[in-house]
C-alpha cells in the first residue's frame, strides 16, 4: 500500500482512498456477490450486444462471481471528489479519475511483484461500497480489486495471454 502512495498525488491532495477488507466469508461479501451476480445476469441477458458476448467467450466468464467469497482481500478504491477542511468548507480535487488510474496501476504492479493475483471489478451499483465500508459521501467508488494467490486449479485463457506487438501500442517520434 505504501508503494501506491508513490503515484501521482493530484495537486498533493492524494484523492485516492483504499478500503481493504480481509473478512471472509461474511454478510458484506455475501451482499457484494449477490449484487454482482444479479447485475451480471441482467447484463448477459439484456444489455450485452452479441459482439460483446462473442468477445467474452474465449475468456470463459459468466455471471458467477465466487471469487468475491474466495479471495482473501477485497480492496475498494475510492476517488475523493472534494476534501473537507477542519472548518467544514469543501476543497475541490482535480484530476481524480486520472489519479485513480495511476494509483491503481501502481498498486496492481506492486501486488504482482509480491506474487499476488489481482482481478479488477467495476460493480454496479457501486454505492453499496460507501455504506458497507463506511466511506464518506465525497468519495466515489471506482474499482473493487479482488486480491489473493491464484487457486491451485486456476488457468489463464489462451486468449488473455495473446498480446499485441509492442510497435502497435507504442510509437516513437
C-alpha atoms as a PDB file:
ATOM      1  CA  UNK A   1       0.000   0.000   0.000  1.00  0.00           C
ATOM      2  CA  UNK A   2       2.889   2.322   0.692  1.00  0.00           C
ATOM      3  CA  UNK A   3       4.145   1.688  -2.846  1.00  0.00           C
ATOM      4  CA  UNK A   4       0.814   3.007  -4.173  1.00  0.00           C
ATOM      5  CA  UNK A   5       1.475   6.287  -2.345  1.00  0.00           C
ATOM      6  CA  UNK A   6       4.418   6.931  -4.681  1.00  0.00           C
ATOM      7  CA  UNK A   7       1.984   7.509  -7.525  1.00  0.00           C
ATOM      8  CA  UNK A   8       0.623  10.814  -8.771  1.00  0.00           C
ATOM      9  CA  UNK A   9      -0.832  12.925  -5.987  1.00  0.00           C
ATOM     10  CA  UNK A  10      -3.085  15.334  -7.959  1.00  0.00           C
ATOM     11  CA  UNK A  11      -2.081  18.696  -6.569  1.00  0.00           C
ATOM     12  CA  UNK A  12      -0.646  16.968  -3.471  1.00  0.00           C
ATOM     13  CA  UNK A  13      -4.131  16.080  -2.246  1.00  0.00           C
ATOM     14  CA  UNK A  14      -3.975  12.305  -2.848  1.00  0.00           C
ATOM     15  CA  UNK A  15      -7.627  11.845  -3.867  1.00  0.00           C
ATOM     16  CA  UNK A  16      -7.404   8.025  -3.956  1.00  0.00           C
ATOM     17  CA  UNK A  17      -8.522   6.130  -0.847  1.00  0.00           C
ATOM     18  CA  UNK A  18      -8.090   2.379  -0.423  1.00  0.00           C
ATOM     19  CA  UNK A  19     -10.526   0.491   1.785  1.00  0.00           C
ATOM     20  CA  UNK A  20      -9.220  -3.022   2.482  1.00  0.00           C
ATOM     21  CA  UNK A  21     -11.407  -5.886   3.695  1.00  0.00           C
ATOM     22  CA  UNK A  22      -9.968  -9.205   4.804  1.00  0.00           C
ATOM     23  CA  UNK A  23     -13.070 -10.646   6.471  1.00  0.00           C
ATOM     24  CA  UNK A  24     -14.311 -13.699   4.638  1.00  0.00           C
ATOM     25  CA  UNK A  25     -16.871 -15.077   4.441  1.00  0.00           C
ATOM     26  CA  UNK A  26     -19.402 -12.691   5.853  1.00  0.00           C
ATOM     27  CA  UNK A  27     -22.506 -10.629   5.236  1.00  0.00           C
ATOM     28  CA  UNK A  28     -20.648  -7.931   3.286  1.00  0.00           C
ATOM     29  CA  UNK A  29     -19.084 -10.434   0.916  1.00  0.00           C
ATOM     30  CA  UNK A  30     -22.384 -12.241   0.502  1.00  0.00           C
ATOM     31  CA  UNK A  31     -24.184  -8.974  -0.317  1.00  0.00           C
ATOM     32  CA  UNK A  32     -21.459  -7.878  -2.779  1.00  0.00           C
ATOM     33  CA  UNK A  33     -21.610 -11.240  -4.520  1.00  0.00           C
ATOM     34  CA  UNK A  34     -25.422 -11.231  -4.690  1.00  0.00           C
ATOM     35  CA  UNK A  35     -25.432  -7.742  -6.221  1.00  0.00           C
ATOM     36  CA  UNK A  36     -22.609  -8.582  -8.638  1.00  0.00           C
ATOM     37  CA  UNK A  37     -24.277 -11.760  -9.843  1.00  0.00           C
ATOM     38  CA  UNK A  38     -27.658 -10.068 -10.191  1.00  0.00           C
ATOM     39  CA  UNK A  39     -26.100  -7.283 -12.261  1.00  0.00           C
ATOM     40  CA  UNK A  40     -24.139  -9.788 -14.373  1.00  0.00           C
ATOM     41  CA  UNK A  41     -27.211 -11.916 -15.092  1.00  0.00           C
ATOM     42  CA  UNK A  42     -29.032  -8.801 -16.279  1.00  0.00           C
ATOM     43  CA  UNK A  43     -26.005  -7.744 -18.352  1.00  0.00           C
ATOM     44  CA  UNK A  44     -25.710 -11.122 -20.103  1.00  0.00           C
ATOM     45  CA  UNK A  45     -29.468 -11.409 -20.658  1.00  0.00           C
ATOM     46  CA  UNK A  46     -30.446  -7.888 -21.725  1.00  0.00           C
ATOM     47  CA  UNK A  47     -27.634  -5.361 -22.112  1.00  0.00           C
ATOM     48  CA  UNK A  48     -24.676  -7.038 -23.767  1.00  0.00           C
ATOM     49  CA  UNK A  49     -24.562  -6.955 -27.557  1.00  0.00           C
ATOM     50  CA  UNK A  50     -23.924 -10.180 -29.471  1.00  0.00           C
ATOM     51  CA  UNK A  51     -20.451  -8.872 -30.390  1.00  0.00           C
ATOM     52  CA  UNK A  52     -19.661  -8.233 -26.732  1.00  0.00           C
ATOM     53  CA  UNK A  53     -20.851 -11.694 -25.711  1.00  0.00           C
ATOM     54  CA  UNK A  54     -18.765 -13.261 -28.509  1.00  0.00           C
ATOM     55  CA  UNK A  55     -15.698 -11.404 -27.235  1.00  0.00           C
ATOM     56  CA  UNK A  56     -16.238 -12.865 -23.750  1.00  0.00           C
ATOM     57  CA  UNK A  57     -16.457 -16.499 -24.898  1.00  0.00           C
ATOM     58  CA  UNK A  58     -12.655 -17.098 -25.042  1.00  0.00           C
ATOM     59  CA  UNK A  59     -12.312 -15.677 -21.531  1.00  0.00           C
ATOM     60  CA  UNK A  60     -14.830 -18.118 -20.079  1.00  0.00           C
ATOM     61  CA  UNK A  61     -16.629 -15.525 -17.958  1.00  0.00           C
ATOM     62  CA  UNK A  62     -20.186 -15.889 -16.746  1.00  0.00           C
ATOM     63  CA  UNK A  63     -22.460 -14.342 -14.107  1.00  0.00           C
ATOM     64  CA  UNK A  64     -20.984 -16.461 -11.265  1.00  0.00           C
ATOM     65  CA  UNK A  65     -18.655 -14.406  -9.048  1.00  0.00           C
ATOM     66  CA  UNK A  66     -17.489 -16.963  -6.466  1.00  0.00           C
ATOM     67  CA  UNK A  67     -14.128 -15.225  -6.251  1.00  0.00           C
ATOM     68  CA  UNK A  68     -15.788 -12.494  -4.171  1.00  0.00           C
ATOM     69  CA  UNK A  69     -16.161 -15.110  -1.411  1.00  0.00           C
ATOM     70  CA  UNK A  70     -12.898 -16.928  -2.034  1.00  0.00           C
ATOM     71  CA  UNK A  71     -10.278 -14.165  -2.283  1.00  0.00           C
ATOM     72  CA  UNK A  72      -8.511 -13.210   0.947  1.00  0.00           C
ATOM     73  CA  UNK A  73      -8.644  -9.472   0.246  1.00  0.00           C
ATOM     74  CA  UNK A  74     -11.029  -7.050  -1.373  1.00  0.00           C
ATOM     75  CA  UNK A  75      -9.629  -3.580  -1.943  1.00  0.00           C
ATOM     76  CA  UNK A  76     -12.170  -0.924  -2.802  1.00  0.00           C
ATOM     77  CA  UNK A  77     -10.616   2.100  -4.496  1.00  0.00           C
ATOM     78  CA  UNK A  78     -12.430   5.363  -3.957  1.00  0.00           C
ATOM     79  CA  UNK A  79     -11.867   8.782  -5.503  1.00  0.00           C
ATOM     80  CA  UNK A  80     -12.338  11.742  -3.230  1.00  0.00           C
ATOM     81  CA  UNK A  81     -14.152  14.364  -5.313  1.00  0.00           C
ATOM     82  CA  UNK A  82     -13.530  17.043  -2.734  1.00  0.00           C
ATOM     83  CA  UNK A  83     -11.860  17.404   0.624  1.00  0.00           C
ATOM     84  CA  UNK A  84     -13.328  18.989   3.721  1.00  0.00           C
ATOM     85  CA  UNK A  85     -11.342  21.460   5.805  1.00  0.00           C
ATOM     86  CA  UNK A  86     -11.447  21.458   9.603  1.00  0.00           C
ATOM     87  CA  UNK A  87     -13.885  24.361   9.280  1.00  0.00           C
ATOM     88  CA  UNK A  88     -16.196  22.247   7.108  1.00  0.00           C
ATOM     89  CA  UNK A  89     -15.504  24.001   3.782  1.00  0.00           C
ATOM     90  CA  UNK A  90     -15.226  21.910   0.612  1.00  0.00           C
ATOM     91  CA  UNK A  91     -11.971  21.903  -1.366  1.00  0.00           C
ATOM     92  CA  UNK A  92     -12.336  20.602  -4.942  1.00  0.00           C
ATOM     93  CA  UNK A  93      -9.929  17.891  -6.040  1.00  0.00           C
ATOM     94  CA  UNK A  94      -8.811  17.985  -9.660  1.00  0.00           C
ATOM     95  CA  UNK A  95      -7.722  15.063 -11.848  1.00  0.00           C
ATOM     96  CA  UNK A  96      -9.464  12.488  -9.660  1.00  0.00           C
ATOM     97  CA  UNK A  97     -10.072   9.822 -12.380  1.00  0.00           C
ATOM     98  CA  UNK A  98      -6.516  10.225 -13.649  1.00  0.00           C
ATOM     99  CA  UNK A  99      -5.118   9.877 -10.133  1.00  0.00           C
ATOM    100  CA  UNK A 100      -7.247   6.795  -9.509  1.00  0.00           C
ATOM    101  CA  UNK A 101      -5.921   5.178 -12.692  1.00  0.00           C
ATOM    102  CA  UNK A 102      -2.298   5.912 -11.830  1.00  0.00           C
ATOM    103  CA  UNK A 103      -2.647   4.829  -8.193  1.00  0.00           C
ATOM    104  CA  UNK A 104      -4.415   1.614  -9.215  1.00  0.00           C
ATOM    105  CA  UNK A 105      -1.693   0.836 -11.755  1.00  0.00           C
ATOM    106  CA  UNK A 106       0.999   1.244  -9.099  1.00  0.00           C
ATOM    107  CA  UNK A 107      -0.957  -0.921  -6.681  1.00  0.00           C
ATOM    108  CA  UNK A 108      -1.596  -3.734  -9.188  1.00  0.00           C
ATOM    109  CA  UNK A 109       2.088  -3.727 -10.221  1.00  0.00           C
ATOM    110  CA  UNK A 110       3.157  -3.940  -6.571  1.00  0.00           C
ATOM    111  CA  UNK A 111       0.694  -6.762  -5.869  1.00  0.00           C
ATOM    112  CA  UNK A 112       2.001  -8.720  -8.874  1.00  0.00           C
ATOM    113  CA  UNK A 113       5.586  -8.182  -7.677  1.00  0.00           C
ATOM    114  CA  UNK A 114       4.508  -9.803  -4.385  1.00  0.00           C
ATOM    115  CA  UNK A 115       3.241 -12.841  -6.298  1.00  0.00           C
ATOM    116  CA  UNK A 116      -0.428 -11.989  -5.850  1.00  0.00           C
ATOM    117  CA  UNK A 117      -3.136 -12.006  -8.485  1.00  0.00           C
ATOM    118  CA  UNK A 118      -5.472  -9.045  -8.822  1.00  0.00           C
ATOM    119  CA  UNK A 119      -8.800  -9.036 -10.611  1.00  0.00           C
ATOM    120  CA  UNK A 120     -10.489  -5.716 -11.270  1.00  0.00           C
ATOM    121  CA  UNK A 121     -14.240  -5.411 -10.794  1.00  0.00           C
ATOM    122  CA  UNK A 122     -16.351  -2.396 -11.553  1.00  0.00           C
ATOM    123  CA  UNK A 123     -19.589  -3.458  -9.908  1.00  0.00           C
ATOM    124  CA  UNK A 124     -22.867  -1.736 -10.477  1.00  0.00           C
ATOM    125  CA  UNK A 125     -24.337  -0.304  -8.390  1.00  0.00           C
ATOM    126  CA  UNK A 126     -21.243   0.932  -6.577  1.00  0.00           C
ATOM    127  CA  UNK A 127     -22.981   2.946  -3.839  1.00  0.00           C
ATOM    128  CA  UNK A 128     -23.202  -0.103  -1.588  1.00  0.00           C
ATOM    129  CA  UNK A 129     -19.432   0.125  -1.142  1.00  0.00           C
ATOM    130  CA  UNK A 130     -19.714   3.549   0.515  1.00  0.00           C
ATOM    131  CA  UNK A 131     -22.187   2.246   3.048  1.00  0.00           C
ATOM    132  CA  UNK A 132     -20.559  -1.141   3.630  1.00  0.00           C
ATOM    133  CA  UNK A 133     -17.064   0.291   4.054  1.00  0.00           C
ATOM    134  CA  UNK A 134     -18.216   3.391   5.953  1.00  0.00           C
ATOM    135  CA  UNK A 135     -16.793   5.854   3.435  1.00  0.00           C
ATOM    136  CA  UNK A 136     -17.969   9.469   3.321  1.00  0.00           C
ATOM    137  CA  UNK A 137     -20.276  10.884   0.646  1.00  0.00           C
ATOM    138  CA  UNK A 138     -17.494  12.827  -1.089  1.00  0.00           C
ATOM    139  CA  UNK A 139     -15.786   9.556  -2.029  1.00  0.00           C
ATOM    140  CA  UNK A 140     -16.912   7.805  -5.191  1.00  0.00           C
ATOM    141  CA  UNK A 141     -16.121   4.088  -5.578  1.00  0.00           C
ATOM    142  CA  UNK A 142     -14.261   3.343  -8.827  1.00  0.00           C
ATOM    143  CA  UNK A 143     -12.839  -0.171  -8.667  1.00  0.00           C
ATOM    144  CA  UNK A 144     -13.028  -3.245  -6.483  1.00  0.00           C
ATOM    145  CA  UNK A 145      -9.763  -5.205  -6.605  1.00  0.00           C
ATOM    146  CA  UNK A 146     -10.075  -8.876  -5.727  1.00  0.00           C
ATOM    147  CA  UNK A 147      -6.648  -9.966  -4.467  1.00  0.00           C
ATOM    148  CA  UNK A 148      -5.016 -13.233  -3.473  1.00  0.00           C
ATOM    149  CA  UNK A 149      -2.969 -16.182  -4.633  1.00  0.00           C
ATOM    150  CA  UNK A 150      -4.436 -17.976  -7.640  1.00  0.00           C
ATOM    151  CA  UNK A 151      -6.292 -21.204  -6.876  1.00  0.00           C
ATOM    152  CA  UNK A 152      -4.297 -24.381  -7.499  1.00  0.00           C
ATOM    153  CA  UNK A 153      -6.509 -25.222 -10.470  1.00  0.00           C
ATOM    154  CA  UNK A 154      -6.601 -21.668 -11.872  1.00  0.00           C
ATOM    155  CA  UNK A 155      -5.878 -21.265 -15.555  1.00  0.00           C
ATOM    156  CA  UNK A 156      -5.380 -18.251 -17.766  1.00  0.00           C
ATOM    157  CA  UNK A 157      -7.368 -18.378 -21.003  1.00  0.00           C
ATOM    158  CA  UNK A 158      -5.107 -18.568 -24.056  1.00  0.00           C
ATOM    159  CA  UNK A 159      -6.912 -15.518 -25.418  1.00  0.00           C
ATOM    160  CA  UNK A 160      -5.768 -13.450 -22.426  1.00  0.00           C
ATOM    161  CA  UNK A 161      -2.131 -14.397 -23.000  1.00  0.00           C
ATOM    162  CA  UNK A 162      -2.115 -13.024 -26.539  1.00  0.00           C
ATOM    163  CA  UNK A 163      -0.575  -9.570 -26.551  1.00  0.00           C
ATOM    164  CA  UNK A 164      -0.349  -7.083 -29.379  1.00  0.00           C
ATOM    165  CA  UNK A 165       3.108  -6.458 -30.787  1.00  0.00           C
ATOM    166  CA  UNK A 166       4.839  -3.580 -29.000  1.00  0.00           C
ATOM    167  CA  UNK A 167       5.025  -1.456 -32.154  1.00  0.00           C
ATOM    168  CA  UNK A 168       1.210  -1.443 -32.341  1.00  0.00           C
ATOM    169  CA  UNK A 169       0.795   0.125 -28.889  1.00  0.00           C
ATOM    170  CA  UNK A 170       3.942   2.238 -28.677  1.00  0.00           C
ATOM    171  CA  UNK A 171       5.219   4.823 -31.130  1.00  0.00           C
ATOM    172  CA  UNK A 172       8.494   6.738 -31.183  1.00  0.00           C
ATOM    173  CA  UNK A 173       8.789  10.138 -32.842  1.00  0.00           C
END
